[in-house]
Amino acid sequence: MPTDAGGAPPLWAPWYGAGFLDAFVRFWKKYARFDGRASRSEFWWWYLANALVVTILFGGYIISIIVWAAGSTMTDEYGITTATSGFPGVALLFVGLLGLWGLATFVPSLALGWRRVHDAGLAGPFWLISFAAGVAGIVFGCLEPSPSGAQYDRPDASRPQA
């Protein structure tokens, strides 16, 4: 398989044994490409990176709510608790960032799953099953590469060169 100067295969080919940073960068380079294949390492490294970002953003939201709740309530001598300030803007910031992250990664995550099932020798629409049954995404992510998946390789060769 051809590689560039850095040892990376072309974008139409799967990168078996890709590292964390390589898989993360490649995910963004192949933002909305539903052609070609994706290796298991590309798939799982991306989902780890995504889980880390979502955990940090959601954790920031939860922590800001807890800090706000602890500092903005007052209990009087009769045991009555009252709120002393409005909703925290920091929590809204974290929710907004989480929403933006979800919007920015939805299409490329769909494309990555699509390419992952190509690597297993299946047609891309099989990935849509994972929306109905989430465990299917795990199963598809674990499937071995199949030689029949090569039918999805070299999509650039069939396109006219500009």
Foldseek 3Di string as FASTA:
>chain_A
DDDDPVRHDDLQEEGPPDDLVRLCVSLVVCVQDLFHAYALRSLVSNVVVVVVVLCVLVVQLVVLQVVQVVPQWDQDPVRDIDGRDDDDPSNVVSVVVNVVVCVSRVNSNLSNLLRLLLQLLDHSVVSVVCVVPVVVSVVSSPHDGDPNSCVRGDPVVPDDDD
